Amino acid sequence: MTEKTPRASGDEAVRDFGPVGAPVVLGNEPGSFARGVLAERHPALIRQVRDAFPFGRRQHEALDALLDEITNGVVQPLDPADHDHVRWAAWGQEHFGRSWYDAPFLWAESYFYRRLLGAVGYFGPGPWQGIDPFAPFKQPELRGDAVDEELRALDALASAPVEERAMALLQASLWGNRADLGFRVSAGESAVDDVAVSALVADDSATLWELLPAGTSATVAVVADNAGRELIPDLVLIDHLLEHRHAEQVVLHVKSYPYYVSDAVTADVVDGLRRLTETSGEAGRIGGRLWKAMAAGSLEVRTHPFFCAPLPYEEMPEEVRVEFASATLTILKGDLNYRRLVGDQLWHPTTPFAERTGYFPGAVAALRTLKSDVVVGLEQGTLDALERSGAVWRTSGTHALVQVRP
């Protein structure tokens, strides 16, 4: 590995590494984004989960022990009696007994959520088995006024030209909790929001639509990211793909258990569909079509344990590889999927996206709002402008990308 001179970015110094590889993101660098997640976000989440439920003494003691471990101790393995002990023993053999901050960030985050679920009794047996500890944070958002406003905006968007509508819905799915940027439309105004477009650091949207021409028998795989307000635009986009025959079937992949606070599980898909069907106007019609699509098989929800694994997609098991290989296009949503797709490493931002995804068994697209340090596929001019801006563009969620490898 050849190390070159550090170069400054809008966030922090980013070292330029040669083509052989790049350093894995760790949480032991003071002031880094990863360090902040491990040192601040995770302890805060433990307290929030504890306060959100009337847990008993056993759960309180387990949560207190986990909090002490991640702040003052070393990584402990799962109990040998746990159902997934063997799997995690293999994944974590190099990290047990060491500081949480010295483990790869991707692994440490994933293992933290597994441990948190264990502490509250999610995997049972017992009365708390299967209770989503993050549900109190997901559900209020889905019922909020912001979602009402966004769903009403679909009525106006329905009359926009179909190409413009397609781009607006893609943009809404991209931005997630800024979905109003994509849905917003008014008389005499373009459905595509210029502010959101200008915040794209890479935009292969046209290539995405070229891969899915109307009237084909395409199968599209969508690997979901967040639930609640962010899942609604994904469902609306899926409806557009099916209704306008960009796809004959869409397979929506979700997590097999609660993960990263807001990641979507099957129950969240059901909640999102109900939210749509209970709404009047275009949103209700979309919900009704999707409900029927589920029954007809043109929309399927699937899951696999790999989606909750601390591994890059390059290490996907054969059955997942076969699944993606059979799709005309796989769309990966969100920041975590992006990190797993390109590798959670400090690649130089101009490293080609196609180079980092060449292993993927089919055409792949990434729709991602930037909320972590990892990024590839940028043009040098774009990178220079971002670095000159002084903005915290890598981690603040103010910038996004659409990248496609046909």
Foldseek 3Di string as FASTA:
>chain_A
DDWDDWDFFLAGTFTADDPPDFFFAFLPDPPAPLVCCLAPVLLVVLVVLPVVDPADPQLVVLSVVLSCCSHPHFAAADDPVDPCRVVVCVVCVVGGRHHLRGDGSLQSQLVSVVSNCVSRQCCDDDDNHVPASLVVVAPVLQVDPVLVVLLVLVQVLVPDPLVQSLVLLLLLLLLQVVSCQSSHDDPPDGSHRPLQVVQALAEPPVVVCVLQDAPDAFEEEEEFFFFHSNVLSVLLSVLSCCVRRSHQAYEYEFEPGDHPSGGDDPVRVVVSLVSQCVDDDPSVVSSVVVVVCCVVRSYHYDYDNVVSDSAAPLPDDPVVLVVCLRGSEYEYEEDSNVCSQQPNGSHDAAAAPCVSNVSRNHKYKYRYQAAHRDHHNGDPVSRVVSRVVSDSRRHPSSHIYIDIDD
